[in-house]
Amino acid sequence: MFLSLGVIFVLGIIGGMIFEKIHLPKIVFYTILGILLGPSVLGFLNEDLLAISSYLRQIALMIILTRSGLSLNIKKLKEIGRPAILMCFLPATFEFIGVVIFGPLLLGISYFEALLLGSVLGAVSPAIVVPRMIKLQNEGYGDKNHVPELIMAGSSCDDIYVITLFYAFKGLVATNTFDYWILLEIPTSIIFGVILGVIFGIILIFSFKKIKLPLIIKAILVFGSGLIMLGIENIFTVYNISTNYHIGISSLLGIIVLGIILLKYMPSEANLIKKSYDSMWNGFEILLFTLVGAIVDVKYAFSTTGGIFLGLILLALIFRSIGVIISISFTKYTFKEKIFIIMSYLPKATVQASIGGIALSEGLACGSMILTGAVISILLTAPIGAILMDSTYKYLLNKSINLPNRE
């Protein structure tokens, strides 16, 4: 395992630097590296590492969402209003609709499997979006109409919405029956997730104010709180399965809420903690995308089905873009800003890498198909979305004369 990890990190850093030089996202190289090192090509990676990859992917998602929460200013979100709320679920819902319409036609899958596939494909990538929006905040681009905040908040909550639906739809595919109680999971997961985040936020703020702690200890406490929330959700998930009650907790939403609360009441500490998370993400980003590439079946991915997936993903993106347009219609955003917002909602990566392999690991018949769709969506949309944002933001967004106050 040590040899596998060492090779992943060393090759990941070198290859990532090369890809950045040619203006391609590092995660594309990480995913390709995982495919090459994985069982379906070279078979280099240790089996024990692959066995725990799902836990490592979940931790990576927790880190990126914590960074997002620590960057979200609640006052600016209130100023944005209706568009911020609609961007949390409407684009993903439209993408679901696109996959449900065309998935059975193109892939010959059931409508339940199409719902599950849509919930994997439907999330925008915080790994691509969040760092770029933080960069725009720091440089002052789009600050007048709070474009970075809109995209960052919408994309983060979009992920929570999609992940919640993923676990609900996974139950539909596993049992092949529709249970109306599954619908209860969505509002209850959101409510209990917010409550969990508020509770941990209050505890940490009280602790930080009463006890003088080094920065690294504060960052570890935030990290540990996130792990505890993930553990609480897993405990309730097992309980739900054993008792057939469908009341869940969205720990990921709680993690975002925790970050927002810290930024609101302790902005200086929150910004310093976020820098620590930025450093952690550099390592976990390599692991996340390398490990998801490692479990890809190359023969299946490059079969005729893989080609059909390209068409389905492009159709789904058209539906997603329609959802974005509706969300930001009749708002103060300029035409150029609207174009940038649409492009910012194209890239997929983190959520697809985190949940794409779950259906396969749990033995669902559609598992290979779901994972293949997730990887193809990453390889197709991550570089396109990143390149579009990086090359157009200076032309599509106005720059503030005074940089925004990050405190």
Protein backbone atom coordinates (compact mmCIF):
# COMPACT_ATOMS: atom_id res chain seq x y z
CA MET A 1 0.00 0.00 0.00
CA PHE A 2 2.84 2.40 0.84
CA LEU A 3 4.40 1.85 -2.59
CA SER A 4 1.04 2.48 -4.28
CA LEU A 5 0.44 5.68 -2.33
CA GLY A 6 3.94 6.94 -3.00
CA VAL A 7 3.65 6.36 -6.75
CA ILE A 8 0.20 8.02 -6.81
CA PHE A 9 1.43 11.17 -5.06
CA VAL A 10 4.73 11.51 -6.95
CA LEU A 11 3.30 10.85 -10.42
CA GLY A 12 0.19 12.86 -9.55
CA ILE A 13 2.16 15.97 -8.65
CA ILE A 14 4.45 15.73 -11.70
CA GLY A 15 1.63 15.03 -14.14
CA GLY A 16 -0.62 17.63 -12.56
CA MET A 17 2.04 20.30 -13.04
CA ILE A 18 2.42 19.32 -16.69
CA PHE A 19 -1.33 19.47 -17.28
CA GLU A 20 -1.54 22.90 -15.65
CA LYS A 21 1.21 24.10 -18.00
CA ILE A 22 -0.92 23.11 -20.99
CA HIS A 23 -4.02 24.66 -19.35
CA LEU A 24 -5.86 21.41 -18.57
CA PRO A 25 -7.33 20.54 -15.13
CA LYS A 26 -5.05 18.42 -12.99
CA ILE A 27 -7.92 16.09 -12.13
CA VAL A 28 -8.04 14.86 -15.72
CA PHE A 29 -4.48 13.57 -15.37
CA TYR A 30 -5.25 12.07 -11.95
CA THR A 31 -8.20 10.14 -13.40
CA ILE A 32 -6.15 8.88 -16.36
CA LEU A 33 -3.35 7.90 -13.96
CA GLY A 34 -5.82 5.87 -11.90
CA ILE A 35 -7.11 4.09 -14.99
CA LEU A 36 -3.57 3.17 -16.03
CA LEU A 37 -2.50 2.00 -12.56
CA GLY A 38 -5.80 0.23 -11.83
CA PRO A 39 -6.71 -3.46 -12.20
CA SER A 40 -8.10 -3.13 -15.73
CA VAL A 41 -4.74 -1.96 -17.22
CA LEU A 42 -1.48 -2.39 -15.26
CA GLY A 43 -2.91 -3.76 -12.00
CA PHE A 44 -0.26 -1.89 -10.00
CA LEU A 45 -2.34 -0.55 -7.12
CA ASN A 46 -2.57 -2.46 -3.87
CA GLU A 47 -5.89 -4.24 -3.25
CA ASP A 48 -6.10 -3.00 0.35
CA LEU A 49 -5.89 0.59 -0.89
CA LEU A 50 -8.71 -0.03 -3.37
CA ALA A 51 -10.76 -1.61 -0.57
CA ILE A 52 -10.73 1.61 1.48
CA SER A 53 -11.03 3.96 -1.51
CA SER A 54 -14.71 4.68 -0.83
CA TYR A 55 -13.84 6.09 2.62
CA LEU A 56 -11.03 8.21 1.20
CA ARG A 57 -13.36 9.58 -1.49
CA GLN A 58 -15.91 10.52 1.16
CA ILE A 59 -13.30 12.38 3.22
CA ALA A 60 -12.18 14.24 0.09
CA LEU A 61 -15.74 15.40 -0.55
CA MET A 62 -16.00 16.54 3.07
CA ILE A 63 -12.84 18.64 2.67
CA ILE A 64 -13.98 20.44 -0.48
CA LEU A 65 -17.42 21.20 0.98
CA THR A 66 -15.85 22.53 4.19
CA ARG A 67 -13.75 24.89 2.04
CA SER A 68 -16.93 25.98 0.30
CA GLY A 69 -18.72 26.71 3.57
CA LEU A 70 -15.76 28.67 4.89
CA SER A 71 -15.96 30.89 1.78
CA LEU A 72 -19.71 31.60 1.77
CA ASN A 73 -20.79 34.98 3.12
CA ILE A 74 -24.36 34.63 4.39
CA LYS A 75 -25.07 38.36 3.99
CA LYS A 76 -24.25 38.25 0.30
CA LEU A 77 -26.37 35.13 -0.16
CA LYS A 78 -29.36 36.98 1.32
CA GLU A 79 -28.76 39.83 -1.13
CA ILE A 80 -28.81 37.37 -4.03
CA GLY A 81 -32.16 35.93 -2.92
CA ARG A 82 -34.30 33.87 -5.32
CA PRO A 83 -31.59 32.91 -7.86
CA ALA A 84 -29.39 31.47 -5.11
CA ILE A 85 -32.24 29.21 -3.97
CA LEU A 86 -33.22 28.08 -7.46
CA MET A 87 -29.62 27.34 -8.45
CA CYS A 88 -29.45 24.83 -5.58
CA PHE A 89 -31.84 22.38 -7.22
CA LEU A 90 -33.42 23.54 -10.49
CA PRO A 91 -30.49 22.88 -12.90
CA ALA A 92 -29.92 19.42 -11.41
CA THR A 93 -33.65 18.66 -11.62
CA PHE A 94 -33.68 19.56 -15.30
CA GLU A 95 -30.67 17.31 -15.84
CA PHE A 96 -32.53 14.46 -14.10
CA ILE A 97 -35.40 15.00 -16.52
CA GLY A 98 -33.06 14.87 -19.51
CA VAL A 99 -31.46 11.59 -18.35
CA VAL A 100 -34.83 10.01 -17.52
CA ILE A 101 -36.15 10.91 -21.00
CA PHE A 102 -33.14 9.85 -23.06
CA GLY A 103 -31.43 7.27 -20.80
CA PRO A 104 -33.93 4.45 -21.43
CA LEU A 105 -34.01 5.28 -25.15
CA LEU A 106 -30.24 5.35 -25.67
CA LEU A 107 -29.01 2.82 -23.11
CA GLY A 108 -32.02 0.53 -22.74
CA ILE A 109 -32.10 0.99 -18.97
CA SER A 110 -35.15 1.15 -16.71
CA TYR A 111 -36.59 4.43 -15.48
CA PHE A 112 -35.42 3.66 -11.94
CA GLU A 113 -31.87 3.09 -13.25
CA ALA A 114 -32.16 6.31 -15.27
CA LEU A 115 -33.06 8.18 -12.07
CA LEU A 116 -30.01 6.72 -10.34
CA LEU A 117 -27.78 7.60 -13.29
CA GLY A 118 -29.23 11.12 -13.37
CA SER A 119 -28.45 11.59 -9.69
CA VAL A 120 -24.80 10.69 -10.36
CA LEU A 121 -24.46 12.86 -13.44
CA GLY A 122 -26.54 15.75 -12.10
CA ALA A 123 -24.07 17.39 -9.71
CA VAL A 124 -21.75 20.24 -10.64
CA SER A 125 -18.17 19.87 -9.41
CA PRO A 126 -17.04 21.84 -6.34
CA ALA A 127 -13.47 20.67 -7.06
CA ILE A 128 -13.54 22.63 -10.31
CA VAL A 129 -15.88 25.46 -9.34
CA VAL A 130 -15.04 26.38 -5.73
CA PRO A 131 -11.30 27.16 -6.17
CA ARG A 132 -12.07 29.28 -9.22
CA MET A 133 -14.84 31.21 -7.49
CA ILE A 134 -12.56 31.88 -4.52
CA LYS A 135 -9.98 33.19 -7.00
CA LEU A 136 -12.60 35.50 -8.57
CA GLN A 137 -13.53 36.78 -5.10
CA ASN A 138 -9.91 37.57 -4.34
CA GLU A 139 -9.42 39.34 -7.68
CA GLY A 140 -12.71 41.23 -7.46
CA TYR A 141 -14.35 39.81 -10.61
CA GLY A 142 -18.15 39.62 -10.51
CA ASP A 143 -18.26 41.20 -7.07
CA LYS A 144 -20.91 43.83 -7.87
CA ASN A 145 -23.67 41.24 -8.43
CA HIS A 146 -22.04 38.55 -6.24
CA VAL A 147 -21.56 36.13 -9.13
CA PRO A 148 -18.90 33.99 -7.35
CA GLU A 149 -21.11 33.64 -4.25
CA LEU A 150 -24.11 32.62 -6.35
CA ILE A 151 -22.16 29.93 -8.20
CA MET A 152 -20.33 28.66 -5.13
CA ALA A 153 -23.44 28.44 -2.92
CA GLY A 154 -25.58 27.00 -5.68
CA SER A 155 -23.04 24.37 -6.67
CA SER A 156 -22.44 23.28 -3.07
CA CYS A 157 -26.13 22.91 -2.25
CA ASP A 158 -26.71 21.35 -5.66
CA ASP A 159 -24.34 18.58 -4.58
CA ILE A 160 -26.25 17.99 -1.34
CA TYR A 161 -29.53 17.81 -3.25
CA VAL A 162 -28.12 15.35 -5.77
CA ILE A 163 -26.39 13.14 -3.19
CA THR A 164 -29.58 12.93 -1.10
CA LEU A 165 -31.55 11.86 -4.17
CA PHE A 166 -28.82 9.38 -5.13
CA TYR A 167 -29.26 7.39 -1.92
CA ALA A 168 -33.05 7.51 -2.29
CA PHE A 169 -32.93 6.33 -5.92
CA LYS A 170 -30.39 3.64 -5.03
CA GLY A 171 -33.05 2.13 -2.81
CA LEU A 172 -35.51 2.18 -5.71
CA VAL A 173 -33.09 0.28 -7.97
CA ALA A 174 -32.18 -2.23 -5.26
CA THR A 175 -35.81 -3.10 -4.44
CA ASN A 176 -37.33 -2.24 -7.85
CA THR A 177 -40.32 -0.77 -6.00
CA PHE A 178 -41.34 2.80 -5.27
CA ASP A 179 -41.73 3.66 -1.58
CA TYR A 180 -43.45 7.00 -0.92
CA TRP A 181 -41.56 7.22 2.39
CA ILE A 182 -38.39 7.73 0.37
CA LEU A 183 -39.63 11.22 -0.50
CA LEU A 184 -39.56 12.03 3.22
CA GLU A 185 -35.78 11.60 3.21
CA ILE A 186 -35.23 14.77 1.22
CA PRO A 187 -36.72 17.40 3.59
CA THR A 188 -35.72 15.53 6.75
CA SER A 189 -32.12 15.12 5.55
CA ILE A 190 -31.92 18.85 4.87
CA ILE A 191 -33.49 19.89 8.19
CA PHE A 192 -31.45 17.54 10.36
CA GLY A 193 -28.30 18.34 8.39
CA VAL A 194 -28.70 22.05 9.10
CA ILE A 195 -29.40 21.36 12.79
CA LEU A 196 -26.30 19.17 13.03
CA GLY A 197 -24.13 21.86 11.44
CA VAL A 198 -25.50 24.56 13.75
CA ILE A 199 -24.86 22.44 16.84
CA PHE A 200 -21.25 21.72 15.90
CA GLY A 201 -20.74 25.33 14.83
CA ILE A 202 -21.91 26.64 18.21
CA ILE A 203 -19.71 24.14 20.07
CA LEU A 204 -16.61 25.09 18.06
CA ILE A 205 -17.18 28.84 18.35
CA PHE A 206 -17.66 28.54 22.12
CA SER A 207 -14.50 26.42 22.38
CA PHE A 208 -12.40 28.75 20.23
CA LYS A 209 -13.47 31.80 22.24
CA LYS A 210 -12.97 30.20 25.66
CA ILE A 211 -9.75 28.30 25.00
CA LYS A 212 -6.68 29.73 23.27
CA LEU A 213 -5.69 27.13 20.68
CA PRO A 214 -3.07 27.05 17.91
CA LEU A 215 -4.42 27.34 14.38
CA ILE A 216 -3.53 23.76 13.46
CA ILE A 217 -5.52 22.46 16.45
CA LYS A 218 -8.54 24.52 15.37
CA ALA A 219 -8.28 23.08 11.86
CA ILE A 220 -8.04 19.55 13.26
CA LEU A 221 -11.11 20.15 15.44
CA VAL A 222 -13.09 21.32 12.40
CA PHE A 223 -11.87 18.29 10.46
CA GLY A 224 -12.77 15.97 13.33
CA SER A 225 -16.23 17.54 13.59
CA GLY A 226 -16.78 16.79 9.92
CA LEU A 227 -15.78 13.16 10.43
CA ILE A 228 -18.15 12.86 13.40
CA MET A 229 -21.01 14.22 11.29
CA LEU A 230 -20.24 11.68 8.56
CA GLY A 231 -20.23 8.96 11.21
CA ILE A 232 -23.57 10.10 12.63
CA GLU A 233 -25.12 9.97 9.16
CA ASN A 234 -23.76 6.45 8.60
CA ILE A 235 -25.18 5.29 11.94
CA PHE A 236 -28.62 6.64 11.05
CA THR A 237 -28.38 5.08 7.58
CA VAL A 238 -27.77 1.63 9.07
CA TYR A 239 -30.64 2.24 11.51
CA ASN A 240 -32.94 3.22 8.65
CA ILE A 241 -32.11 0.06 6.74
CA SER A 242 -32.71 -2.19 9.72
CA THR A 243 -36.00 -0.57 10.78
CA ASN A 244 -37.27 0.53 7.32
CA TYR A 245 -37.69 4.14 8.51
CA HIS A 246 -36.57 6.70 5.96
CA ILE A 247 -35.40 9.63 8.06
CA GLY A 248 -31.89 10.63 7.13
CA ILE A 249 -29.32 13.27 7.99
CA SER A 250 -27.32 15.14 5.35
CA SER A 251 -23.96 15.37 7.08
CA LEU A 252 -22.49 17.10 4.03
CA LEU A 253 -25.01 19.92 4.35
CA GLY A 254 -24.15 20.10 8.04
CA ILE A 255 -20.48 20.45 7.11
CA ILE A 256 -21.26 23.39 4.82
CA VAL A 257 -23.41 25.03 7.51
CA LEU A 258 -20.58 24.59 10.02
CA GLY A 259 -18.24 26.49 7.70
CA ILE A 260 -20.77 29.27 7.08
CA ILE A 261 -21.31 29.76 10.84
CA LEU A 262 -17.57 29.93 11.52
CA LEU A 263 -17.12 32.53 8.77
CA LYS A 264 -20.01 34.62 10.07
CA TYR A 265 -19.00 34.75 13.73
CA MET A 266 -15.21 34.21 13.56
CA PRO A 267 -14.16 35.43 10.09
CA SER A 268 -10.43 35.77 10.81
CA GLU A 269 -10.15 32.25 12.20
CA ALA A 270 -12.35 30.87 9.41
CA ASN A 271 -10.11 32.32 6.70
CA LEU A 272 -7.00 30.88 8.37
CA ILE A 273 -8.63 27.47 8.81
CA LYS A 274 -9.65 27.52 5.13
CA LYS A 275 -5.99 27.93 4.18
CA SER A 276 -5.20 24.76 6.12
CA TYR A 277 -7.98 22.98 4.24
CA ASP A 278 -6.55 24.27 0.97
CA SER A 279 -3.32 22.45 1.82
CA MET A 280 -5.15 19.24 2.77
CA TRP A 281 -7.09 19.31 -0.49
CA ASN A 282 -3.86 19.26 -2.52
CA GLY A 283 -3.24 15.70 -1.32
CA PHE A 284 -6.79 14.39 -1.17
CA GLU A 285 -7.54 15.72 -4.66
CA ILE A 286 -4.87 13.40 -6.08
CA LEU A 287 -6.20 10.43 -4.12
CA LEU A 288 -9.84 11.08 -4.98
CA PHE A 289 -9.53 11.16 -8.75
CA THR A 290 -6.78 8.55 -9.01
CA LEU A 291 -8.80 6.04 -7.02
CA VAL A 292 -12.01 6.62 -8.98
CA GLY A 293 -10.05 6.09 -12.20
CA ALA A 294 -8.63 2.88 -10.77
CA ILE A 295 -12.01 1.17 -10.50
CA VAL A 296 -13.04 1.90 -14.09
CA ASP A 297 -13.55 -1.04 -16.46
CA VAL A 298 -11.66 0.22 -19.52
CA LYS A 299 -13.23 -2.28 -21.92
CA TYR A 300 -16.72 -1.17 -20.91
CA ALA A 301 -15.82 2.53 -20.97
CA PHE A 302 -14.47 2.36 -24.52
CA SER A 303 -17.23 0.12 -25.86
CA THR A 304 -20.16 1.27 -27.96
CA THR A 305 -21.96 2.09 -24.71
CA GLY A 306 -19.23 4.58 -23.86
CA GLY A 307 -19.89 6.43 -27.10
CA ILE A 308 -23.61 6.52 -26.41
CA PHE A 309 -22.85 8.02 -23.00
CA LEU A 310 -21.18 11.01 -24.67
CA GLY A 311 -24.41 11.83 -26.49
CA LEU A 312 -26.50 11.34 -23.35
CA ILE A 313 -24.23 13.59 -21.27
CA LEU A 314 -24.36 16.35 -23.89
CA LEU A 315 -28.16 16.16 -24.01
CA ALA A 316 -28.31 16.26 -20.21
CA LEU A 317 -26.08 19.35 -20.17
CA ILE A 318 -28.51 21.12 -22.50
CA PHE A 319 -31.32 20.40 -20.04
CA ARG A 320 -29.10 21.59 -17.15
CA SER A 321 -28.35 24.84 -18.96
CA ILE A 322 -32.07 25.45 -19.45
CA GLY A 323 -32.50 25.04 -15.69
CA VAL A 324 -29.75 27.60 -15.08
CA ILE A 325 -31.33 30.05 -17.51
CA ILE A 326 -34.69 29.79 -15.75
CA SER A 327 -33.02 30.21 -12.33
CA ILE A 328 -31.34 33.49 -13.29
CA SER A 329 -34.06 34.92 -15.55
CA PHE A 330 -35.51 38.31 -14.64
CA THR A 331 -32.54 39.14 -12.41
CA LYS A 332 -29.95 41.90 -12.26
CA TYR A 333 -27.28 39.77 -13.95
CA THR A 334 -25.99 41.04 -17.27
CA PHE A 335 -26.07 38.91 -20.42
CA LYS A 336 -22.32 38.25 -20.13
CA GLU A 337 -22.66 37.25 -16.47
CA LYS A 338 -25.46 34.83 -17.37
CA ILE A 339 -23.25 33.21 -20.00
CA PHE A 340 -20.48 32.77 -17.42
CA ILE A 341 -22.90 31.30 -14.86
CA ILE A 342 -24.15 28.76 -17.42
CA MET A 343 -20.58 27.70 -18.25
CA SER A 344 -19.70 27.44 -14.55
CA TYR A 345 -22.43 24.84 -14.09
CA LEU A 346 -21.05 22.48 -16.75
CA PRO A 347 -18.04 20.74 -15.11
CA LYS A 348 -18.50 17.50 -13.20
CA ALA A 349 -15.90 15.76 -11.10
CA THR A 350 -16.00 15.56 -7.29
CA VAL A 351 -19.45 14.08 -6.64
CA GLN A 352 -19.16 11.74 -9.62
CA ALA A 353 -15.82 10.53 -8.24
CA SER A 354 -17.25 10.17 -4.74
CA ILE A 355 -20.49 8.29 -5.45
CA GLY A 356 -19.94 6.92 -8.97
CA GLY A 357 -18.57 3.60 -7.71
CA ILE A 358 -21.07 2.98 -4.92
CA ALA A 359 -23.64 1.19 -7.07
CA LEU A 360 -20.91 -1.14 -8.35
CA SER A 361 -19.48 -1.79 -4.88
CA GLU A 362 -22.96 -2.68 -3.59
CA GLY A 363 -23.51 -5.22 -6.36
CA LEU A 364 -26.25 -3.46 -8.34
CA ALA A 365 -26.61 -4.79 -11.88
CA CYS A 366 -26.25 -1.28 -13.31
CA GLY A 367 -23.09 -0.57 -11.27
CA SER A 368 -20.59 -0.73 -14.14
CA MET A 369 -22.82 1.42 -16.31
CA ILE A 370 -23.20 4.04 -13.56
CA LEU A 371 -19.45 4.18 -12.90
CA THR A 372 -18.64 4.43 -16.60
CA GLY A 373 -21.06 7.34 -16.99
CA ALA A 374 -19.48 9.07 -14.00
CA VAL A 375 -15.93 8.76 -15.38
CA ILE A 376 -16.86 9.78 -18.93
CA SER A 377 -18.68 12.84 -17.55
CA ILE A 378 -15.52 13.80 -15.62
CA LEU A 379 -13.20 13.38 -18.59
CA LEU A 380 -15.57 15.27 -20.90
CA THR A 381 -16.89 18.15 -18.80
CA ALA A 382 -14.10 18.86 -16.29
CA PRO A 383 -11.59 20.16 -18.87
CA ILE A 384 -14.25 21.90 -20.97
CA GLY A 385 -15.80 23.69 -17.97
CA ALA A 386 -12.44 24.64 -16.46
CA ILE A 387 -11.04 25.96 -19.74
CA LEU A 388 -14.19 27.98 -20.46
CA MET A 389 -14.16 29.61 -17.02
CA ASP A 390 -10.43 30.32 -17.01
CA SER A 391 -10.39 31.82 -20.49
CA THR A 392 -13.54 33.97 -20.31
CA TYR A 393 -13.99 35.37 -16.79
CA LYS A 394 -11.94 38.51 -17.49
CA TYR A 395 -14.13 39.28 -20.51
CA LEU A 396 -17.53 38.29 -19.12
CA LEU A 397 -17.29 39.65 -15.57
CA ASN A 398 -16.66 43.22 -14.43
CA LYS A 399 -13.83 43.80 -11.98
CA SER A 400 -14.42 45.88 -8.86
CA ILE A 401 -12.12 48.85 -8.35
CA ASN A 402 -11.92 47.99 -4.65
CA LEU A 403 -11.28 44.35 -3.91
CA PRO A 404 -13.95 42.70 -1.71
CA ASN A 405 -13.29 42.57 1.99
CA ARG A 406 -12.55 38.93 2.81
CA GLU A 407 -12.87 39.59 6.52
